[in-house]
């Protein structure tokens, strides 16, 4: 059995892992994942990761990865709201698992750790969106997420169709302080 480890990446660590991050994203898009890209053009995908990496130093975002034998096979981003009226919330984004590493509990583990990170930052409301009907929607529901609505024709798929997205949320208590 192969061991999967999870790690919170610093800006420098993420920069060193840019090509691995790109490979996970590219593999997911190749299978039709609705994650912001309609084709497998490498430069926009690398630019996406470069933007995420740049935001890690400010604390605006945190990037968790899952590794199998040092190779990144999964990702999730926790995006913190910078607005004063949204200081209590965070968004879960780009929960990705490479197709060769699926069905091992990696997405569930990354989601759980992302929720815990946000909770440790005092966030009491988490939000996300996912393509309606995808397996990810069932994962989120099984982990206690609530559906607050569906938006039709929200995102163009890799096949050119306009797909609906399901908007979800999860309420939590802030982590207990260690004082």
N, C-alpha and C. Protein backbone atom coordinates (compact mmCIF):
# COMPACT_ATOMS: atom_id res chain seq x y z
N UNK A 1 0.84 -1.19 0.00
CA UNK A 1 0.00 0.00 0.00
C UNK A 1 0.88 1.25 0.00
N UNK A 2 0.59 2.17 -0.89
CA UNK A 2 1.36 3.40 -1.00
C UNK A 2 0.85 4.42 0.01
N UNK A 3 1.77 5.06 0.69
CA UNK A 3 1.41 6.07 1.67
C UNK A 3 1.19 7.41 0.99
N UNK A 4 0.10 8.06 1.38
CA UNK A 4 -0.21 9.41 0.91
C UNK A 4 0.05 10.36 2.08
N UNK A 5 0.80 11.41 1.83
CA UNK A 5 1.05 12.42 2.86
C UNK A 5 0.48 13.75 2.38
N UNK A 6 0.06 14.58 3.33
CA UNK A 6 -0.45 15.90 3.01
C UNK A 6 0.49 16.95 3.58
N UNK A 7 0.62 18.06 2.86
CA UNK A 7 1.56 19.10 3.24
C UNK A 7 1.00 20.47 2.86
N UNK A 8 1.16 21.42 3.74
CA UNK A 8 0.85 22.81 3.46
C UNK A 8 2.10 23.42 2.85
N UNK A 9 1.98 23.99 1.65
CA UNK A 9 3.16 24.50 0.95
C UNK A 9 3.37 25.99 1.20
N UNK A 10 4.61 26.36 1.39
CA UNK A 10 5.00 27.77 1.42
C UNK A 10 5.10 28.25 -0.02
N UNK A 11 5.29 29.55 -0.19
CA UNK A 11 5.46 30.12 -1.53
C UNK A 11 6.65 29.46 -2.23
N UNK A 12 7.76 29.31 -1.51
CA UNK A 12 8.97 28.73 -2.11
C UNK A 12 8.77 27.27 -2.48
N UNK A 13 8.12 26.51 -1.60
CA UNK A 13 7.88 25.10 -1.88
C UNK A 13 6.94 24.94 -3.08
N UNK A 14 5.93 25.79 -3.14
CA UNK A 14 4.99 25.73 -4.26
C UNK A 14 5.69 26.10 -5.57
N UNK A 15 6.57 27.09 -5.51
CA UNK A 15 7.31 27.48 -6.72
C UNK A 15 8.15 26.30 -7.23
N UNK A 16 8.77 25.60 -6.31
CA UNK A 16 9.58 24.43 -6.69
C UNK A 16 8.72 23.30 -7.26
N UNK A 17 7.45 23.29 -6.89
CA UNK A 17 6.55 22.22 -7.32
C UNK A 17 5.65 22.63 -8.49
N UNK A 18 5.93 23.76 -9.14
CA UNK A 18 5.07 24.29 -10.19
C UNK A 18 4.73 23.24 -11.25
N UNK A 19 5.69 22.50 -11.73
CA UNK A 19 5.42 21.53 -12.79
C UNK A 19 4.54 20.38 -12.30
N UNK A 20 4.71 19.98 -11.05
CA UNK A 20 3.85 18.93 -10.49
C UNK A 20 2.42 19.45 -10.34
N UNK A 21 2.27 20.69 -9.89
CA UNK A 21 0.94 21.29 -9.76
C UNK A 21 0.27 21.37 -11.13
N UNK A 22 1.03 21.80 -12.12
CA UNK A 22 0.52 21.86 -13.49
C UNK A 22 0.06 20.48 -13.96
N UNK A 23 0.84 19.44 -13.70
CA UNK A 23 0.49 18.09 -14.18
C UNK A 23 -0.83 17.60 -13.59
N UNK A 24 -1.07 17.90 -12.31
CA UNK A 24 -2.33 17.48 -11.69
C UNK A 24 -3.49 18.21 -12.35
N UNK A 25 -3.37 19.53 -12.50
CA UNK A 25 -4.42 20.33 -13.13
C UNK A 25 -4.67 19.86 -14.56
N UNK A 26 -3.62 19.67 -15.32
CA UNK A 26 -3.72 19.26 -16.71
C UNK A 26 -4.42 17.90 -16.85
N UNK A 27 -4.07 16.96 -15.99
CA UNK A 27 -4.67 15.62 -16.05
C UNK A 27 -6.16 15.69 -15.74
N UNK A 28 -6.55 16.54 -14.80
CA UNK A 28 -7.97 16.69 -14.45
C UNK A 28 -8.74 17.34 -15.60
N UNK A 29 -8.17 18.37 -16.21
CA UNK A 29 -8.82 19.03 -17.34
C UNK A 29 -8.94 18.06 -18.52
N UNK A 30 -7.93 17.24 -18.74
CA UNK A 30 -7.97 16.28 -19.84
C UNK A 30 -9.14 15.32 -19.72
N UNK A 31 -9.59 15.07 -18.48
CA UNK A 31 -10.74 14.20 -18.28
C UNK A 31 -12.05 14.97 -18.20
N UNK A 32 -12.00 16.28 -18.49
CA UNK A 32 -13.23 17.07 -18.55
C UNK A 32 -13.65 17.77 -17.28
N UNK A 33 -12.76 17.84 -16.29
CA UNK A 33 -13.11 18.52 -15.04
C UNK A 33 -13.47 19.98 -15.30
N UNK A 34 -14.47 20.46 -14.58
CA UNK A 34 -14.91 21.85 -14.71
C UNK A 34 -14.18 22.67 -13.65
N UNK A 35 -12.98 23.09 -13.98
CA UNK A 35 -12.14 23.79 -13.00
C UNK A 35 -11.51 25.04 -13.60
N UNK A 36 -12.25 25.68 -14.49
CA UNK A 36 -11.82 26.97 -15.01
C UNK A 36 -11.15 26.95 -16.36
N UNK A 37 -10.85 25.78 -16.89
CA UNK A 37 -10.13 25.69 -18.16
C UNK A 37 -10.94 24.87 -19.14
N UNK A 38 -10.98 25.31 -20.39
CA UNK A 38 -11.75 24.59 -21.40
C UNK A 38 -10.88 23.77 -22.34
N UNK A 39 -9.57 23.92 -22.21
CA UNK A 39 -8.65 23.09 -22.99
C UNK A 39 -7.38 22.91 -22.18
N UNK A 40 -6.48 22.14 -22.73
CA UNK A 40 -5.27 21.78 -21.99
C UNK A 40 -4.07 22.63 -22.40
N UNK A 41 -4.29 23.90 -22.68
CA UNK A 41 -3.21 24.82 -23.02
C UNK A 41 -2.33 25.02 -21.78
N UNK A 42 -1.06 24.63 -21.82
CA UNK A 42 -0.23 24.65 -20.62
C UNK A 42 0.07 26.04 -20.04
N UNK A 43 0.22 27.04 -20.88
CA UNK A 43 0.64 28.34 -20.34
C UNK A 43 -0.40 28.98 -19.43
N UNK A 44 -1.69 29.00 -19.81
CA UNK A 44 -2.68 29.54 -18.87
C UNK A 44 -2.73 28.76 -17.54
N UNK A 45 -2.52 27.46 -17.62
CA UNK A 45 -2.54 26.65 -16.40
C UNK A 45 -1.33 26.97 -15.51
N UNK A 46 -0.17 27.09 -16.12
CA UNK A 46 1.01 27.47 -15.33
C UNK A 46 0.83 28.88 -14.76
N UNK A 47 0.25 29.79 -15.55
CA UNK A 47 0.01 31.15 -15.05
C UNK A 47 -0.97 31.15 -13.89
N UNK A 48 -1.98 30.27 -13.95
CA UNK A 48 -2.91 30.14 -12.83
C UNK A 48 -2.13 29.80 -11.56
N UNK A 49 -1.26 28.77 -11.65
CA UNK A 49 -0.51 28.36 -10.47
C UNK A 49 0.46 29.45 -10.02
N UNK A 50 1.06 30.16 -10.97
CA UNK A 50 1.95 31.26 -10.59
C UNK A 50 1.19 32.31 -9.77
N UNK A 51 -0.04 32.61 -10.16
CA UNK A 51 -0.85 33.56 -9.40
C UNK A 51 -1.17 33.05 -8.01
N UNK A 52 -1.49 31.78 -7.90
CA UNK A 52 -1.76 31.19 -6.58
C UNK A 52 -0.50 31.26 -5.73
N UNK A 53 0.63 30.89 -6.30
CA UNK A 53 1.90 30.91 -5.56
C UNK A 53 2.20 32.30 -5.05
N UNK A 54 1.98 33.32 -5.87
CA UNK A 54 2.25 34.70 -5.46
C UNK A 54 1.38 35.11 -4.28
N UNK A 55 0.17 34.55 -4.18
CA UNK A 55 -0.73 34.93 -3.09
C UNK A 55 -0.46 34.17 -1.79
N UNK A 56 0.40 33.18 -1.83
CA UNK A 56 0.67 32.40 -0.61
C UNK A 56 1.44 33.21 0.43
N UNK A 57 2.37 34.03 0.00
CA UNK A 57 3.20 34.81 0.94
C UNK A 57 2.36 35.78 1.76
N UNK A 58 1.31 36.33 1.17
CA UNK A 58 0.48 37.31 1.87
C UNK A 58 -0.48 36.65 2.86
N UNK A 59 -0.65 35.34 2.77
CA UNK A 59 -1.60 34.66 3.63
C UNK A 59 -3.03 34.73 3.10
N UNK A 60 -3.20 35.35 1.94
CA UNK A 60 -4.52 35.45 1.31
C UNK A 60 -5.06 34.07 0.96
N UNK A 61 -4.13 33.16 0.64
CA UNK A 61 -4.50 31.80 0.29
C UNK A 61 -3.52 30.84 0.95
N UNK A 62 -3.98 29.61 1.11
CA UNK A 62 -3.12 28.52 1.56
C UNK A 62 -3.30 27.37 0.59
N UNK A 63 -2.23 26.65 0.33
CA UNK A 63 -2.24 25.54 -0.62
C UNK A 63 -1.81 24.26 0.08
N UNK A 64 -2.73 23.31 0.10
CA UNK A 64 -2.43 21.98 0.63
C UNK A 64 -2.26 21.03 -0.54
N UNK A 65 -1.31 20.15 -0.43
CA UNK A 65 -1.12 19.12 -1.46
C UNK A 65 -1.06 17.75 -0.82
N UNK A 66 -1.43 16.76 -1.61
CA UNK A 66 -1.26 15.36 -1.22
C UNK A 66 -0.15 14.80 -2.09
N UNK A 67 0.73 14.05 -1.47
CA UNK A 67 1.86 13.45 -2.20
C UNK A 67 1.82 11.93 -2.06
N UNK A 68 2.21 11.30 -3.15
CA UNK A 68 2.44 9.85 -3.17
C UNK A 68 3.87 9.68 -3.63
N UNK A 69 4.72 9.16 -2.77
CA UNK A 69 6.15 8.99 -3.09
C UNK A 69 6.74 10.30 -3.62
N UNK A 70 6.53 11.38 -2.90
CA UNK A 70 7.06 12.71 -3.18
C UNK A 70 6.42 13.42 -4.37
N UNK A 71 5.58 12.73 -5.14
CA UNK A 71 4.91 13.33 -6.29
C UNK A 71 3.55 13.88 -5.87
N UNK A 72 3.25 15.12 -6.23
CA UNK A 72 1.96 15.71 -5.90
C UNK A 72 0.87 15.03 -6.72
N UNK A 73 -0.15 14.53 -6.02
CA UNK A 73 -1.27 13.86 -6.68
C UNK A 73 -2.61 14.53 -6.36
N UNK A 74 -2.60 15.53 -5.48
CA UNK A 74 -3.83 16.22 -5.14
C UNK A 74 -3.56 17.61 -4.61
N UNK A 75 -4.55 18.50 -4.77
CA UNK A 75 -4.41 19.88 -4.30
C UNK A 75 -5.74 20.39 -3.75
N UNK A 76 -5.66 21.37 -2.89
CA UNK A 76 -6.82 22.15 -2.49
C UNK A 76 -6.32 23.51 -2.03
N UNK A 77 -7.06 24.55 -2.38
CA UNK A 77 -6.71 25.92 -2.01
C UNK A 77 -7.75 26.44 -1.03
N UNK A 78 -7.28 27.08 0.03
CA UNK A 78 -8.17 27.79 0.95
C UNK A 78 -7.94 29.27 0.70
N UNK A 79 -9.00 29.95 0.26
CA UNK A 79 -8.92 31.38 -0.05
C UNK A 79 -9.65 32.16 1.04
N UNK A 80 -8.93 33.06 1.70
CA UNK A 80 -9.52 33.84 2.78
C UNK A 80 -10.05 35.16 2.24
N UNK A 81 -11.24 35.53 2.69
CA UNK A 81 -11.86 36.77 2.24
C UNK A 81 -11.15 37.94 2.89
N UNK A 82 -10.71 38.90 2.09
CA UNK A 82 -9.97 40.05 2.59
C UNK A 82 -10.85 41.24 2.95
N UNK A 83 -12.14 41.14 2.70
CA UNK A 83 -13.04 42.26 3.00
C UNK A 83 -13.42 42.25 4.47
N UNK A 84 -13.52 43.42 5.09
CA UNK A 84 -13.89 43.46 6.51
C UNK A 84 -15.20 42.74 6.83
N UNK A 85 -16.18 42.82 5.93
CA UNK A 85 -17.45 42.17 6.23
C UNK A 85 -17.43 40.67 5.93
N UNK A 86 -16.32 40.16 5.43
CA UNK A 86 -16.20 38.74 5.12
C UNK A 86 -15.06 38.06 5.86
N UNK A 87 -14.55 38.70 6.90
CA UNK A 87 -13.40 38.15 7.63
C UNK A 87 -13.69 36.81 8.28
N UNK A 88 -14.94 36.44 8.37
CA UNK A 88 -15.35 35.18 9.00
C UNK A 88 -15.46 34.02 8.00
N UNK A 89 -15.17 34.28 6.71
CA UNK A 89 -15.41 33.22 5.73
C UNK A 89 -14.18 32.92 4.87
N UNK A 90 -14.23 31.73 4.28
CA UNK A 90 -13.18 31.29 3.36
C UNK A 90 -13.82 30.46 2.27
N UNK A 91 -13.13 30.38 1.14
CA UNK A 91 -13.61 29.57 0.02
C UNK A 91 -12.66 28.40 -0.19
N UNK A 92 -13.23 27.26 -0.47
CA UNK A 92 -12.47 26.06 -0.81
C UNK A 92 -12.44 26.00 -2.34
N UNK A 93 -11.25 25.89 -2.92
CA UNK A 93 -11.12 25.93 -4.37
C UNK A 93 -10.09 24.90 -4.86
N UNK A 94 -10.25 24.50 -6.09
CA UNK A 94 -9.33 23.60 -6.81
C UNK A 94 -8.98 22.37 -5.99
N UNK A 95 -10.03 21.70 -5.49
CA UNK A 95 -9.82 20.38 -4.88
C UNK A 95 -9.67 19.41 -6.04
N UNK A 96 -8.43 19.03 -6.31
CA UNK A 96 -8.09 18.21 -7.46
C UNK A 96 -7.36 16.96 -7.02
N UNK A 97 -7.66 15.85 -7.65
CA UNK A 97 -6.89 14.62 -7.45
C UNK A 97 -6.56 14.07 -8.82
N UNK A 98 -5.29 13.81 -9.05
CA UNK A 98 -4.85 13.24 -10.32
C UNK A 98 -5.64 11.96 -10.59
N UNK A 99 -6.09 11.76 -11.83
CA UNK A 99 -6.88 10.56 -12.14
C UNK A 99 -6.22 9.25 -11.73
N UNK A 100 -4.90 9.17 -11.76
CA UNK A 100 -4.21 7.94 -11.36
C UNK A 100 -4.20 7.70 -9.86
N UNK A 101 -4.67 8.68 -9.08
CA UNK A 101 -4.63 8.56 -7.62
C UNK A 101 -6.02 8.61 -6.99
N UNK A 102 -7.04 8.51 -7.79
CA UNK A 102 -8.41 8.62 -7.26
C UNK A 102 -8.85 7.33 -6.57
N UNK A 103 -9.93 7.48 -5.80
CA UNK A 103 -10.56 6.37 -5.06
C UNK A 103 -9.67 5.86 -3.93
N UNK A 104 -8.88 6.76 -3.34
CA UNK A 104 -8.02 6.41 -2.21
C UNK A 104 -8.30 7.28 -0.99
N UNK A 105 -9.35 8.10 -1.04
CA UNK A 105 -9.68 8.97 0.08
C UNK A 105 -8.90 10.28 0.10
N UNK A 106 -8.17 10.57 -0.98
CA UNK A 106 -7.33 11.77 -1.01
C UNK A 106 -8.17 13.04 -1.00
N UNK A 107 -9.21 13.10 -1.80
CA UNK A 107 -10.06 14.30 -1.84
C UNK A 107 -10.70 14.53 -0.48
N UNK A 108 -11.19 13.50 0.14
CA UNK A 108 -11.82 13.61 1.46
C UNK A 108 -10.82 14.12 2.49
N UNK A 109 -9.60 13.59 2.45
CA UNK A 109 -8.56 14.02 3.40
C UNK A 109 -8.16 15.47 3.16
N UNK A 110 -7.97 15.85 1.91
CA UNK A 110 -7.62 17.24 1.61
C UNK A 110 -8.73 18.19 2.03
N UNK A 111 -9.98 17.82 1.77
CA UNK A 111 -11.11 18.65 2.17
C UNK A 111 -11.16 18.81 3.69
N UNK A 112 -10.99 17.73 4.40
CA UNK A 112 -11.01 17.77 5.86
C UNK A 112 -9.90 18.68 6.40
N UNK A 113 -8.72 18.55 5.84
CA UNK A 113 -7.59 19.39 6.29
C UNK A 113 -7.81 20.86 5.92
N UNK A 114 -8.39 21.11 4.76
CA UNK A 114 -8.68 22.50 4.37
C UNK A 114 -9.70 23.12 5.32
N UNK A 115 -10.72 22.36 5.66
CA UNK A 115 -11.72 22.85 6.61
C UNK A 115 -11.07 23.16 7.96
N UNK A 116 -10.18 22.29 8.39
CA UNK A 116 -9.49 22.50 9.68
C UNK A 116 -8.61 23.74 9.63
N UNK A 117 -7.88 23.93 8.53
CA UNK A 117 -7.05 25.13 8.38
C UNK A 117 -7.89 26.39 8.51
N UNK A 118 -9.02 26.42 7.81
CA UNK A 118 -9.90 27.59 7.88
C UNK A 118 -10.43 27.79 9.29
N UNK A 119 -10.80 26.72 9.92
CA UNK A 119 -11.31 26.79 11.29
C UNK A 119 -10.22 27.34 12.23
N UNK A 120 -8.98 26.92 12.05
CA UNK A 120 -7.87 27.42 12.86
C UNK A 120 -7.65 28.92 12.65
N UNK A 121 -8.06 29.42 11.49
CA UNK A 121 -7.96 30.86 11.20
C UNK A 121 -9.20 31.62 11.67
N UNK A 122 -10.08 30.93 12.40
CA UNK A 122 -11.27 31.56 12.94
C UNK A 122 -12.42 31.69 11.96
N UNK A 123 -12.35 30.99 10.83
CA UNK A 123 -13.41 31.08 9.82
C UNK A 123 -14.57 30.19 10.23
N UNK A 124 -15.77 30.75 10.20
CA UNK A 124 -16.96 30.02 10.61
C UNK A 124 -17.90 29.71 9.45
N UNK A 125 -17.60 30.24 8.28
CA UNK A 125 -18.39 29.95 7.09
C UNK A 125 -17.44 29.60 5.96
N UNK A 126 -17.66 28.43 5.37
CA UNK A 126 -16.88 28.00 4.21
C UNK A 126 -17.84 27.90 3.03
N UNK A 127 -17.36 28.29 1.85
CA UNK A 127 -18.18 28.21 0.64
C UNK A 127 -17.38 27.56 -0.48
N UNK A 128 -18.08 27.01 -1.44
CA UNK A 128 -17.46 26.45 -2.64
C UNK A 128 -18.52 26.32 -3.71
N UNK A 129 -18.07 26.08 -4.92
CA UNK A 129 -19.01 25.71 -5.98
C UNK A 129 -18.40 24.55 -6.75
N UNK A 130 -19.29 23.74 -7.31
CA UNK A 130 -18.88 22.57 -8.07
C UNK A 130 -19.88 22.32 -9.18
N UNK A 131 -19.42 21.74 -10.26
CA UNK A 131 -20.33 21.46 -11.37
C UNK A 131 -21.44 20.54 -10.87
N UNK A 132 -22.65 20.92 -11.14
CA UNK A 132 -23.82 20.15 -10.71
C UNK A 132 -23.78 18.74 -11.30
N UNK A 133 -23.98 17.77 -10.44
CA UNK A 133 -24.02 16.38 -10.88
C UNK A 133 -22.68 15.66 -10.86
N UNK A 134 -21.57 16.38 -10.66
CA UNK A 134 -20.26 15.73 -10.59
C UNK A 134 -20.13 14.89 -9.31
N UNK A 135 -19.23 13.94 -9.32
CA UNK A 135 -18.97 13.12 -8.13
C UNK A 135 -18.55 13.99 -6.95
N UNK A 136 -17.89 15.10 -7.23
CA UNK A 136 -17.45 15.99 -6.15
C UNK A 136 -18.64 16.50 -5.34
N UNK A 137 -19.76 16.73 -6.00
CA UNK A 137 -20.95 17.21 -5.30
C UNK A 137 -21.36 16.21 -4.22
N UNK A 138 -21.32 14.94 -4.55
CA UNK A 138 -21.67 13.89 -3.57
C UNK A 138 -20.66 13.83 -2.43
N UNK A 139 -19.39 14.02 -2.76
CA UNK A 139 -18.35 14.05 -1.71
C UNK A 139 -18.65 15.16 -0.71
N UNK A 140 -18.94 16.36 -1.21
CA UNK A 140 -19.20 17.49 -0.32
C UNK A 140 -20.43 17.23 0.54
N UNK A 141 -21.49 16.71 -0.06
CA UNK A 141 -22.69 16.41 0.71
C UNK A 141 -22.40 15.40 1.81
N UNK A 142 -21.62 14.38 1.49
CA UNK A 142 -21.27 13.35 2.48
C UNK A 142 -20.42 13.91 3.62
N UNK A 143 -19.74 15.03 3.37
CA UNK A 143 -18.89 15.65 4.39
C UNK A 143 -19.61 16.79 5.12
N UNK A 144 -20.93 16.86 4.97
CA UNK A 144 -21.72 17.82 5.74
C UNK A 144 -21.94 19.18 5.10
N UNK A 145 -21.58 19.33 3.84
CA UNK A 145 -21.82 20.59 3.14
C UNK A 145 -23.29 20.68 2.77
N UNK A 146 -23.81 21.91 2.72
CA UNK A 146 -25.21 22.17 2.39
C UNK A 146 -25.30 22.87 1.04
N UNK A 147 -26.31 22.51 0.27
CA UNK A 147 -26.56 23.19 -1.00
C UNK A 147 -27.36 24.45 -0.72
N UNK A 148 -26.90 25.57 -1.26
CA UNK A 148 -27.70 26.79 -1.11
C UNK A 148 -28.32 27.20 -2.43
N UNK A 149 -27.91 26.58 -3.52
CA UNK A 149 -28.54 26.87 -4.79
C UNK A 149 -27.76 26.34 -5.97
N UNK A 150 -28.35 26.54 -7.13
CA UNK A 150 -27.74 26.10 -8.37
C UNK A 150 -27.86 27.24 -9.38
N UNK A 151 -26.80 27.47 -10.12
CA UNK A 151 -26.80 28.51 -11.16
C UNK A 151 -26.70 27.81 -12.51
N UNK A 152 -27.71 27.98 -13.37
CA UNK A 152 -27.65 27.33 -14.68
C UNK A 152 -26.64 28.03 -15.59
N UNK A 153 -26.14 27.28 -16.54
CA UNK A 153 -25.25 27.83 -17.59
C UNK A 153 -24.09 28.61 -17.00
N UNK A 154 -23.51 28.14 -15.93
CA UNK A 154 -22.49 28.88 -15.20
C UNK A 154 -21.12 28.82 -15.85
N UNK A 155 -20.71 27.63 -16.30
CA UNK A 155 -19.34 27.47 -16.82
C UNK A 155 -19.36 26.63 -18.09
N UNK A 156 -18.50 27.00 -19.01
CA UNK A 156 -18.36 26.25 -20.26
C UNK A 156 -17.48 25.03 -19.99
N UNK A 157 -17.93 23.89 -20.45
CA UNK A 157 -17.19 22.64 -20.26
C UNK A 157 -16.09 22.49 -21.30
N UNK A 158 -15.29 21.48 -21.15
CA UNK A 158 -14.24 21.19 -22.13
C UNK A 158 -14.86 20.75 -23.46
N UNK A 159 -16.14 20.35 -23.44
CA UNK A 159 -16.83 19.98 -24.68
C UNK A 159 -17.60 21.15 -25.27
N UNK A 160 -17.58 22.31 -24.60
CA UNK A 160 -18.26 23.49 -25.11
C UNK A 160 -19.66 23.71 -24.58
N UNK A 161 -20.15 22.79 -23.75
CA UNK A 161 -21.49 22.93 -23.19
C UNK A 161 -21.46 23.91 -22.02
N UNK A 162 -22.62 24.54 -21.76
CA UNK A 162 -22.74 25.39 -20.57
C UNK A 162 -23.37 24.56 -19.46
N UNK A 163 -22.60 24.34 -18.40
CA UNK A 163 -23.02 23.50 -17.29
C UNK A 163 -23.45 24.34 -16.09
N UNK A 164 -24.37 23.77 -15.32
CA UNK A 164 -24.81 24.41 -14.07
C UNK A 164 -23.76 24.17 -12.99
N UNK A 165 -23.74 25.06 -12.02
CA UNK A 165 -22.88 24.88 -10.85
C UNK A 165 -23.75 24.87 -9.61
N UNK A 166 -23.35 24.07 -8.64
CA UNK A 166 -24.02 24.02 -7.35
C UNK A 166 -23.17 24.79 -6.35
N UNK A 167 -23.80 25.73 -5.67
CA UNK A 167 -23.12 26.54 -4.66
C UNK A 167 -23.42 25.90 -3.30
N UNK A 168 -22.38 25.71 -2.52
CA UNK A 168 -22.51 25.00 -1.24
C UNK A 168 -21.83 25.80 -0.13
N UNK A 169 -22.22 25.47 1.10
CA UNK A 169 -21.61 26.11 2.27
C UNK A 169 -21.54 25.12 3.42
N UNK A 170 -20.70 25.48 4.38
CA UNK A 170 -20.58 24.70 5.61
C UNK A 170 -20.29 25.68 6.74
N UNK A 171 -21.07 25.57 7.80
CA UNK A 171 -20.85 26.40 8.99
C UNK A 171 -20.03 25.60 9.99
N UNK A 172 -19.16 26.29 10.72
CA UNK A 172 -18.37 25.61 11.74
C UNK A 172 -18.07 26.57 12.87
N UNK A 173 -17.63 26.01 13.94
CA UNK A 173 -17.18 26.80 15.09
C UNK A 173 -15.69 27.08 14.90
N UNK A 174 -15.22 28.24 15.34
CA UNK A 174 -13.77 28.47 15.26
C UNK A 174 -13.04 27.48 16.18
N UNK A 175 -11.83 27.14 15.80
CA UNK A 175 -11.03 26.23 16.61
C UNK A 175 -10.80 26.84 17.98
N UNK A 176 -10.80 26.00 19.00
CA UNK A 176 -10.56 26.47 20.36
C UNK A 176 -9.14 27.01 20.46
N UNK A 177 -8.99 28.12 21.14
CA UNK A 177 -7.63 28.68 21.31
C UNK A 177 -6.85 27.82 22.28
N UNK A 178 -5.56 27.85 22.12
CA UNK A 178 -4.70 27.00 22.95
C UNK A 178 -4.14 27.75 24.15
N UNK A 179 -4.87 28.76 24.61
CA UNK A 179 -4.37 29.51 25.77
C UNK A 179 -4.93 29.01 27.05
